[in-house]
Each structure stands twice: as structure tokens, then as C-alpha cells.
Amino acid sequence: MIMAYAYKPAKVDLARTAKARLEDVNVSYKDLANVCSNVRGRRADAALEFLSEAADGMRPVRYFNYNKRRGHVGRLGGKKGGWPVKSAKIVRDVLENAMANARSRGLGMCKITHIQANKQHQYPRLAAKGRRMRADMETAFLEIVLTELSTEMGKKAEIAATKPEDAKKIEIKKPEIETKKAEDVKKENEAKKEADVKKTDGAKKTEVEVKKTEEAKKAEEVEKEADVKKSEEVKNVDAKA
């Protein structure tokens, strides 16, 4: 029986989406799920580049879940990760299939809106050489849904247009904020001008006071010189007498 997609789109045009699915693949569903977590929400071309590097063993993959006893990878900033080459190859192949489906439907640049991997079947197996130890084989499934970016932007614009009251409120608030900012700027400029005027007045007053003190000192010196001259003249007259 074919499984249904777990993705149920809302507010997105189904005609502008492309899908791809792989079932009953013999790979660790835990590795597959972590690879999916690393590309979820990315653009299709960027995700394909990431997966191709991971499939070649040139780039580590961060493990968000199922990471007990996992080592810390320096290239991931010390976070837990690994190199699931087999899982990365499978996800890359399914993504290429989804991108081919998008091109056949006439879609442009796409984004990964849904990607999921999990355990599907568990087949009973026994250990080799007659041992009674169970070694069941687990298979996984993978599904990817791509959505055209232009439709997402259009839907956001439509949702914004469905609320004209909110849009009006935003338009009203903008001029109010601008007028308040202009008033604040004017007040600041006026305060700066007043401070500059006070400084200039204070400087002028200090200059006048300095001039007055200098003139008073000069007058005192002149008076002292006159007194000295008078005292010398009196001494000369007494000596002649």
C-alpha cells in the first residue's frame, strides 16, 4: 500500500508545488532524519550543493537528534555531528528528482517546504551461524515537497492585503512617528543654540571683567609711581635746605 504524504499544505497553491518520495530504502532512518534537518527550509539549489558535498565526504552533517555518544566535530563549532555519506546520497537523489518534477511543471526557483524521513518497515532477521540473536532489518522512507518562491511571496502579500485595517493603522502611525522625530530634532537644535548663546555671553562677560581688572591694575601702578615721585621731590627739597 502506498503511503500518503505527511505534508498537508495550507494557503499554498498545490499547482505550484513539486513532490518526490522514496520508500523502503535500506538505510538508517536516524541518519536520514538528521540529514533532512540540515536542509529543511533551504532553497533547492543551496540544499543540493550541501548534499553533494556531504555525499562526497567533504562536509560534516550536524546531528540534532539521535546524537547520544556522538562525537563533537570541530568544523561544526564543537557540536555533535558525523559523515552520513549513504544517507546524504539518498537525500540528494530524491531532491534531484523533486527538482526535475518542478522543472517539468514549469516552476521557477523553489524552496524545500517539507522534508521528512522515518522508519517504515521492520523485517525479522536472525543472526548468522545459528545464533538465536535477533538482528531485524529496518527500512526507511523519505519525502520532499518543493514550493515555488514567487508563490510564497505572493501569498504573503495577499494575506497582508486581507487586513486593510492593520495596513491603515501602519500608514497612520508612520507620519505620526516622523512628526514626533522632527519635533524632537527641533527641540534638540534649539537647546543647543541656547547653550551656545549662553556660552558666548559668558565668554564676553569674562572678557569685560578681565579688561576692567587690567585697567584697575594699571591705574594703581600709575598712582604708586606718582606717589614715589612726590616723595623723592620732597626729600630733595629737604636736602637743599
C-alpha atoms as a PDB file:
ATOM      1  CA  MET A   1       0.000   0.000   0.000  1.00  0.00           C
ATOM      2  CA  ILE A   2       1.328   3.438  -0.953  1.00  0.00           C
ATOM      3  CA  MET A   3       1.675   5.787   1.989  1.00  0.00           C
ATOM      4  CA  ALA A   4       0.164   9.259   1.822  1.00  0.00           C
ATOM      5  CA  TYR A   5       2.302  12.352   2.187  1.00  0.00           C
ATOM      6  CA  ALA A   6       2.506  13.677   5.719  1.00  0.00           C
ATOM      7  CA  TYR A   7       2.580  17.226   4.356  1.00  0.00           C
ATOM      8  CA  LYS A   8      -0.790  18.951   4.191  1.00  0.00           C
ATOM      9  CA  PRO A   9      -0.277  22.398   2.655  1.00  0.00           C
ATOM     10  CA  ALA A  10      -2.352  25.322   3.792  1.00  0.00           C
ATOM     11  CA  LYS A  11      -2.626  28.678   1.979  1.00  0.00           C
ATOM     12  CA  VAL A  12      -0.274  27.423  -0.741  1.00  0.00           C
ATOM     13  CA  ASP A  13      -1.312  26.680  -4.311  1.00  0.00           C
ATOM     14  CA  LEU A  14      -0.841  22.946  -4.930  1.00  0.00           C
ATOM     15  CA  ALA A  15      -0.280  23.608  -8.630  1.00  0.00           C
ATOM     16  CA  ARG A  16       2.952  25.440  -7.725  1.00  0.00           C
ATOM     17  CA  THR A  17       4.457  22.555  -5.725  1.00  0.00           C
ATOM     18  CA  ALA A  18       6.507  19.510  -6.700  1.00  0.00           C
ATOM     19  CA  LYS A  19       6.969  16.275  -4.782  1.00  0.00           C
ATOM     20  CA  ALA A  20       9.269  13.270  -4.658  1.00  0.00           C
ATOM     21  CA  ARG A  21       9.216  10.213  -2.429  1.00  0.00           C
ATOM     22  CA  LEU A  22      11.326   7.125  -1.779  1.00  0.00           C
ATOM     23  CA  GLU A  23      10.063   4.129   0.212  1.00  0.00           C
ATOM     24  CA  ASP A  24      11.505   1.010   1.781  1.00  0.00           C
ATOM     25  CA  VAL A  25      15.131   2.064   1.397  1.00  0.00           C
ATOM     26  CA  ASN A  26      17.754   0.106   3.328  1.00  0.00           C
ATOM     27  CA  VAL A  27      19.425   2.908   5.266  1.00  0.00           C
ATOM     28  CA  SER A  28      19.484   4.169   8.842  1.00  0.00           C
ATOM     29  CA  TYR A  29      16.392   6.289   9.369  1.00  0.00           C
ATOM     30  CA  LYS A  30      18.217   8.157  12.137  1.00  0.00           C
ATOM     31  CA  ASP A  31      20.976   9.333   9.795  1.00  0.00           C
ATOM     32  CA  LEU A  32      18.388  10.104   7.145  1.00  0.00           C
ATOM     33  CA  ALA A  33      16.335  12.248   9.551  1.00  0.00           C
ATOM     34  CA  ASN A  34      19.391  14.262  10.627  1.00  0.00           C
ATOM     35  CA  VAL A  35      20.396  14.929   7.023  1.00  0.00           C
ATOM     36  CA  CYS A  36      16.859  16.178   6.359  1.00  0.00           C
ATOM     37  CA  SER A  37      17.066  18.522   9.360  1.00  0.00           C
ATOM     38  CA  ASN A  38      20.148  20.172   7.861  1.00  0.00           C
ATOM     39  CA  VAL A  39      18.423  21.142   4.589  1.00  0.00           C
ATOM     40  CA  ARG A  40      14.869  21.838   5.746  1.00  0.00           C
ATOM     41  CA  GLY A  41      13.707  25.327   4.728  1.00  0.00           C
ATOM     42  CA  ARG A  42      16.609  25.952   2.355  1.00  0.00           C
ATOM     43  CA  ARG A  43      16.494  26.832  -1.309  1.00  0.00           C
ATOM     44  CA  ALA A  44      16.673  23.784  -3.519  1.00  0.00           C
ATOM     45  CA  ASP A  45      19.932  24.738  -5.241  1.00  0.00           C
ATOM     46  CA  ALA A  46      21.695  25.540  -1.944  1.00  0.00           C
ATOM     47  CA  ALA A  47      20.451  22.284  -0.407  1.00  0.00           C
ATOM     48  CA  LEU A  48      21.659  20.316  -3.430  1.00  0.00           C
ATOM     49  CA  GLU A  49      25.126  21.853  -3.100  1.00  0.00           C
ATOM     50  CA  PHE A  50      25.229  20.985   0.624  1.00  0.00           C
ATOM     51  CA  LEU A  51      24.114  17.397  -0.019  1.00  0.00           C
ATOM     52  CA  SER A  52      26.603  16.852  -2.835  1.00  0.00           C
ATOM     53  CA  GLU A  53      29.471  17.951  -0.552  1.00  0.00           C
ATOM     54  CA  ALA A  54      28.192  15.739   2.272  1.00  0.00           C
ATOM     55  CA  ALA A  55      27.792  12.774  -0.108  1.00  0.00           C
ATOM     56  CA  ASP A  56      31.421  13.168  -1.207  1.00  0.00           C
ATOM     57  CA  GLY A  57      32.568  13.221   2.429  1.00  0.00           C
ATOM     58  CA  MET A  58      33.776  16.813   2.164  1.00  0.00           C
ATOM     59  CA  ARG A  59      31.369  18.295   4.680  1.00  0.00           C
ATOM     60  CA  PRO A  60      30.097  17.081   8.075  1.00  0.00           C
ATOM     61  CA  VAL A  61      26.411  16.920   8.967  1.00  0.00           C
ATOM     62  CA  ARG A  62      25.133  18.153  12.285  1.00  0.00           C
ATOM     63  CA  TYR A  63      23.111  15.674  14.346  1.00  0.00           C
ATOM     64  CA  PHE A  64      20.197  17.376  16.078  1.00  0.00           C
ATOM     65  CA  ASN A  65      18.573  14.125  17.255  1.00  0.00           C
ATOM     66  CA  TYR A  66      19.741  10.578  17.889  1.00  0.00           C
ATOM     67  CA  ASN A  67      23.127  12.006  18.858  1.00  0.00           C
ATOM     68  CA  LYS A  68      23.864  10.072  22.048  1.00  0.00           C
ATOM     69  CA  ARG A  69      27.537   9.056  22.198  1.00  0.00           C
ATOM     70  CA  ARG A  70      28.214  11.084  19.093  1.00  0.00           C
ATOM     71  CA  GLY A  71      31.492  12.909  18.845  1.00  0.00           C
ATOM     72  CA  HIS A  72      31.917  16.677  18.668  1.00  0.00           C
ATOM     73  CA  VAL A  73      33.077  17.961  15.286  1.00  0.00           C
ATOM     74  CA  GLY A  74      35.399  20.938  15.132  1.00  0.00           C
ATOM     75  CA  ARG A  75      34.105  22.076  11.729  1.00  0.00           C
ATOM     76  CA  LEU A  76      30.642  22.397  13.298  1.00  0.00           C
ATOM     77  CA  GLY A  77      31.859  24.622  16.110  1.00  0.00           C
ATOM     78  CA  GLY A  78      32.209  21.742  18.550  1.00  0.00           C
ATOM     79  CA  LYS A  79      28.654  20.499  18.025  1.00  0.00           C
ATOM     80  CA  LYS A  80      27.724  16.868  17.550  1.00  0.00           C
ATOM     81  CA  GLY A  81      27.827  15.575  14.003  1.00  0.00           C
ATOM     82  CA  GLY A  82      29.083  12.975  11.582  1.00  0.00           C
ATOM     83  CA  TRP A  83      29.573  11.987   7.938  1.00  0.00           C
ATOM     84  CA  PRO A  84      26.466  10.001   6.855  1.00  0.00           C
ATOM     85  CA  VAL A  85      27.585   9.571   3.234  1.00  0.00           C
ATOM     86  CA  LYS A  86      24.993   6.942   2.288  1.00  0.00           C
ATOM     87  CA  SER A  87      22.062   8.953   3.667  1.00  0.00           C
ATOM     88  CA  ALA A  88      23.307  12.170   2.033  1.00  0.00           C
ATOM     89  CA  LYS A  89      23.474  10.418  -1.359  1.00  0.00           C
ATOM     90  CA  ILE A  90      19.899   9.156  -0.997  1.00  0.00           C
ATOM     91  CA  VAL A  91      18.549  12.590   0.002  1.00  0.00           C
ATOM     92  CA  ARG A  92      20.473  14.197  -2.869  1.00  0.00           C
ATOM     93  CA  ASP A  93      18.982  11.778  -5.398  1.00  0.00           C
ATOM     94  CA  VAL A  94      15.420  12.364  -4.146  1.00  0.00           C
ATOM     95  CA  LEU A  95      15.958  16.132  -4.179  1.00  0.00           C
ATOM     96  CA  GLU A  96      17.196  15.970  -7.775  1.00  0.00           C
ATOM     97  CA  ASN A  97      14.051  14.019  -8.636  1.00  0.00           C
ATOM     98  CA  ALA A  98      11.863  16.658  -6.984  1.00  0.00           C
ATOM     99  CA  MET A  99      13.684  19.460  -8.817  1.00  0.00           C
ATOM    100  CA  ALA A 100      13.182  17.628 -12.128  1.00  0.00           C
ATOM    101  CA  ASN A 101       9.469  17.347 -11.341  1.00  0.00           C
ATOM    102  CA  ALA A 102       9.388  21.099 -10.602  1.00  0.00           C
ATOM    103  CA  ARG A 103      11.036  21.903 -13.948  1.00  0.00           C
ATOM    104  CA  SER A 104       8.582  19.654 -15.796  1.00  0.00           C
ATOM    105  CA  ARG A 105       5.716  21.586 -14.191  1.00  0.00           C
ATOM    106  CA  GLY A 106       7.202  24.904 -15.263  1.00  0.00           C
ATOM    107  CA  LEU A 107       8.188  26.114 -11.795  1.00  0.00           C
ATOM    108  CA  GLY A 108      10.994  28.565 -11.139  1.00  0.00           C
ATOM    109  CA  MET A 109      13.222  28.835  -8.078  1.00  0.00           C
ATOM    110  CA  CYS A 110      11.927  26.500  -5.357  1.00  0.00           C
ATOM    111  CA  LYS A 111      12.314  26.088  -1.626  1.00  0.00           C
ATOM    112  CA  ILE A 112      12.151  22.927   0.490  1.00  0.00           C
ATOM    113  CA  THR A 113       8.947  23.493   2.426  1.00  0.00           C
ATOM    114  CA  HIS A 114       8.697  19.902   3.658  1.00  0.00           C
ATOM    115  CA  ILE A 115      11.227  17.111   4.047  1.00  0.00           C
ATOM    116  CA  GLN A 116      10.703  14.106   6.293  1.00  0.00           C
ATOM    117  CA  ALA A 117      12.314  10.726   6.926  1.00  0.00           C
ATOM    118  CA  ASN A 118      11.365   7.994   9.377  1.00  0.00           C
ATOM    119  CA  LYS A 119      11.272   4.270   9.932  1.00  0.00           C
ATOM    120  CA  GLN A 120       8.867   2.401   7.646  1.00  0.00           C
ATOM    121  CA  HIS A 121       9.167  -1.395   7.941  1.00  0.00           C
ATOM    122  CA  GLN A 122      10.932  -3.835  10.225  1.00  0.00           C
ATOM    123  CA  TYR A 123      11.744  -7.254   8.780  1.00  0.00           C
ATOM    124  CA  PRO A 124      12.618 -10.081  11.207  1.00  0.00           C
ATOM    125  CA  ARG A 125      16.121 -11.421  10.827  1.00  0.00           C
ATOM    126  CA  LEU A 126      18.275 -13.779  12.880  1.00  0.00           C
ATOM    127  CA  ALA A 127      21.971 -13.621  13.497  1.00  0.00           C
ATOM    128  CA  ALA A 128      24.286 -15.769  11.418  1.00  0.00           C
ATOM    129  CA  LYS A 129      25.634 -19.254  12.250  1.00  0.00           C
ATOM    130  CA  GLY A 130      22.502 -20.486  14.009  1.00  0.00           C
ATOM    131  CA  ARG A 131      22.568 -17.939  16.816  1.00  0.00           C
ATOM    132  CA  ARG A 132      19.213 -17.017  18.245  1.00  0.00           C
ATOM    133  CA  MET A 133      20.051 -13.326  18.447  1.00  0.00           C
ATOM    134  CA  ARG A 134      17.628 -11.079  16.615  1.00  0.00           C
ATOM    135  CA  ALA A 135      19.059  -8.666  14.050  1.00  0.00           C
ATOM    136  CA  ASP A 136      15.981  -7.145  12.417  1.00  0.00           C
ATOM    137  CA  MET A 137      16.367  -5.124   9.245  1.00  0.00           C
ATOM    138  CA  GLU A 138      14.754  -1.672   9.397  1.00  0.00           C
ATOM    139  CA  THR A 139      13.874   0.290   6.292  1.00  0.00           C
ATOM    140  CA  ALA A 140      13.085   3.987   5.970  1.00  0.00           C
ATOM    141  CA  PHE A 141      11.107   6.342   3.753  1.00  0.00           C
ATOM    142  CA  LEU A 142      11.846   9.849   2.568  1.00  0.00           C
ATOM    143  CA  GLU A 143       9.557  12.521   1.130  1.00  0.00           C
ATOM    144  CA  ILE A 144      10.299  16.018  -0.154  1.00  0.00           C
ATOM    145  CA  VAL A 145       7.924  18.813  -1.167  1.00  0.00           C
ATOM    146  CA  LEU A 146       9.178  21.888  -3.031  1.00  0.00           C
ATOM    147  CA  THR A 147       7.266  25.160  -3.351  1.00  0.00           C
ATOM    148  CA  GLU A 148       7.955  27.951  -5.807  1.00  0.00           C
ATOM    149  CA  LEU A 149       9.324  31.016  -4.069  1.00  0.00           C
ATOM    150  CA  SER A 150       7.291  33.528  -6.094  1.00  0.00           C
ATOM    151  CA  THR A 151       4.019  31.969  -4.957  1.00  0.00           C
ATOM    152  CA  GLU A 152       5.089  32.194  -1.318  1.00  0.00           C
ATOM    153  CA  MET A 153       5.825  35.900  -1.691  1.00  0.00           C
ATOM    154  CA  GLY A 154       2.504  36.406  -3.450  1.00  0.00           C
ATOM    155  CA  LYS A 155       0.627  34.612  -0.710  1.00  0.00           C
ATOM    156  CA  LYS A 156       2.256  36.796   1.931  1.00  0.00           C
ATOM    157  CA  ALA A 157       1.181  39.885   0.009  1.00  0.00           C
ATOM    158  CA  GLU A 158      -2.375  38.532  -0.267  1.00  0.00           C
ATOM    159  CA  ILE A 159      -2.525  37.791   3.450  1.00  0.00           C
ATOM    160  CA  ALA A 160      -1.332  41.325   4.182  1.00  0.00           C
ATOM    161  CA  ALA A 161      -3.945  42.701   1.787  1.00  0.00           C
ATOM    162  CA  THR A 162      -6.739  40.807   3.570  1.00  0.00           C
ATOM    163  CA  LYS A 163      -6.221  43.060   6.618  1.00  0.00           C
ATOM    164  CA  PRO A 164      -6.755  46.615   5.339  1.00  0.00           C
ATOM    165  CA  GLU A 165      -7.418  47.956   8.840  1.00  0.00           C
ATOM    166  CA  ASP A 166      -3.975  46.895  10.024  1.00  0.00           C
ATOM    167  CA  ALA A 167      -2.410  48.393   6.907  1.00  0.00           C
ATOM    168  CA  LYS A 168      -4.215  51.703   7.536  1.00  0.00           C
ATOM    169  CA  LYS A 169      -3.028  51.724  11.142  1.00  0.00           C
ATOM    170  CA  ILE A 170       0.541  51.230   9.996  1.00  0.00           C
ATOM    171  CA  GLU A 171       0.208  54.013   7.424  1.00  0.00           C
ATOM    172  CA  ILE A 172      -1.242  56.372  10.060  1.00  0.00           C
ATOM    173  CA  LYS A 173       1.463  55.553  12.601  1.00  0.00           C
ATOM    174  CA  LYS A 174       4.323  56.232  10.211  1.00  0.00           C
ATOM    175  CA  PRO A 175       3.634  60.006   9.706  1.00  0.00           C
ATOM    176  CA  GLU A 176       2.968  60.428  13.425  1.00  0.00           C
ATOM    177  CA  ILE A 177       6.315  58.882  14.255  1.00  0.00           C
ATOM    178  CA  GLU A 178       8.052  61.026  11.651  1.00  0.00           C
ATOM    179  CA  THR A 179       6.490  64.245  13.005  1.00  0.00           C
ATOM    180  CA  LYS A 180       7.496  63.308  16.552  1.00  0.00           C
ATOM    181  CA  LYS A 181      11.042  62.671  15.427  1.00  0.00           C
ATOM    182  CA  ALA A 182      11.130  66.028  13.624  1.00  0.00           C
ATOM    183  CA  GLU A 183       9.837  67.824  16.739  1.00  0.00           C
ATOM    184  CA  ASP A 184      12.435  66.113  18.912  1.00  0.00           C
ATOM    185  CA  VAL A 185      15.178  67.131  16.498  1.00  0.00           C
ATOM    186  CA  LYS A 186      13.958  70.742  16.534  1.00  0.00           C
ATOM    187  CA  LYS A 187      13.923  70.805  20.330  1.00  0.00           C
ATOM    188  CA  GLU A 188      17.448  69.433  20.473  1.00  0.00           C
ATOM    189  CA  ASN A 189      18.674  72.040  17.992  1.00  0.00           C
ATOM    190  CA  GLU A 190      17.016  74.860  19.950  1.00  0.00           C
ATOM    191  CA  ALA A 191      18.557  73.627  23.196  1.00  0.00           C
ATOM    192  CA  LYS A 192      21.984  73.500  21.554  1.00  0.00           C
ATOM    193  CA  LYS A 193      21.546  77.072  20.241  1.00  0.00           C
ATOM    194  CA  GLU A 194      20.568  78.342  23.704  1.00  0.00           C
ATOM    195  CA  ALA A 195      23.579  76.640  25.239  1.00  0.00           C
ATOM    196  CA  ASP A 196      25.870  78.181  22.606  1.00  0.00           C
ATOM    197  CA  VAL A 197      24.391  81.660  23.249  1.00  0.00           C
ATOM    198  CA  LYS A 198      24.909  81.264  26.989  1.00  0.00           C
ATOM    199  CA  LYS A 199      28.489  80.206  26.414  1.00  0.00           C
ATOM    200  CA  THR A 200      29.182  83.206  24.166  1.00  0.00           C
ATOM    201  CA  ASP A 201      27.562  85.598  26.665  1.00  0.00           C
ATOM    202  CA  GLY A 202      29.599  84.130  29.484  1.00  0.00           C
ATOM    203  CA  ALA A 203      32.776  84.438  27.429  1.00  0.00           C
ATOM    204  CA  LYS A 204      32.003  88.080  26.632  1.00  0.00           C
ATOM    205  CA  LYS A 205      31.343  88.859  30.310  1.00  0.00           C
ATOM    206  CA  THR A 206      34.596  87.278  31.327  1.00  0.00           C
ATOM    207  CA  GLU A 207      36.483  89.305  28.704  1.00  0.00           C
ATOM    208  CA  VAL A 208      34.941  92.564  30.008  1.00  0.00           C
ATOM    209  CA  GLU A 209      35.785  91.674  33.586  1.00  0.00           C
ATOM    210  CA  VAL A 210      39.380  90.857  32.638  1.00  0.00           C
ATOM    211  CA  LYS A 211      39.722  94.210  30.868  1.00  0.00           C
ATOM    212  CA  LYS A 212      38.356  96.055  33.898  1.00  0.00           C
ATOM    213  CA  THR A 213      40.752  94.319  36.251  1.00  0.00           C
ATOM    214  CA  GLU A 214      43.688  95.110  33.955  1.00  0.00           C
ATOM    215  CA  GLU A 215      42.695  98.784  33.787  1.00  0.00           C
ATOM    216  CA  ALA A 216      42.365  98.948  37.576  1.00  0.00           C
ATOM    217  CA  LYS A 217      45.836  97.421  37.986  1.00  0.00           C
ATOM    218  CA  LYS A 218      47.309  99.944  35.550  1.00  0.00           C
ATOM    219  CA  ALA A 219      45.658 102.836  37.462  1.00  0.00           C
ATOM    220  CA  GLU A 220      47.072 101.554  40.750  1.00  0.00           C
ATOM    221  CA  GLU A 221      50.551 101.290  39.229  1.00  0.00           C
ATOM    222  CA  VAL A 222      50.295 104.861  37.907  1.00  0.00           C
ATOM    223  CA  GLU A 223      49.241 106.132  41.342  1.00  0.00           C
ATOM    224  CA  LYS A 224      52.118 104.332  43.008  1.00  0.00           C
ATOM    225  CA  GLU A 225      54.611 105.831  40.550  1.00  0.00           C
ATOM    226  CA  ALA A 226      53.199 109.347  41.219  1.00  0.00           C
ATOM    227  CA  ASP A 227      53.499 108.866  44.980  1.00  0.00           C
ATOM    228  CA  VAL A 228      57.098 107.699  44.591  1.00  0.00           C
ATOM    229  CA  LYS A 229      57.978 110.759  42.512  1.00  0.00           C
ATOM    230  CA  LYS A 230      56.411 113.108  45.070  1.00  0.00           C
ATOM    231  CA  SER A 231      58.303 111.506  47.945  1.00  0.00           C
ATOM    232  CA  GLU A 232      61.614 111.845  46.029  1.00  0.00           C
ATOM    233  CA  GLU A 233      60.942 115.537  45.303  1.00  0.00           C
ATOM    234  CA  VAL A 234      60.222 116.198  48.991  1.00  0.00           C
ATOM    235  CA  LYS A 235      63.484 114.519  50.007  1.00  0.00           C
ATOM    236  CA  ASN A 236      65.472 116.612  47.513  1.00  0.00           C
ATOM    237  CA  VAL A 237      63.954 119.863  48.817  1.00  0.00           C
ATOM    238  CA  ASP A 238      64.801 118.947  52.423  1.00  0.00           C
ATOM    239  CA  ALA A 239      68.361 118.127  51.460  1.00  0.00           C
ATOM    240  CA  LYS A 240      68.882 121.517  49.762  1.00  0.00           C
ATOM    241  CA  ALA A 241      67.540 123.312  52.801  1.00  0.00           C
END
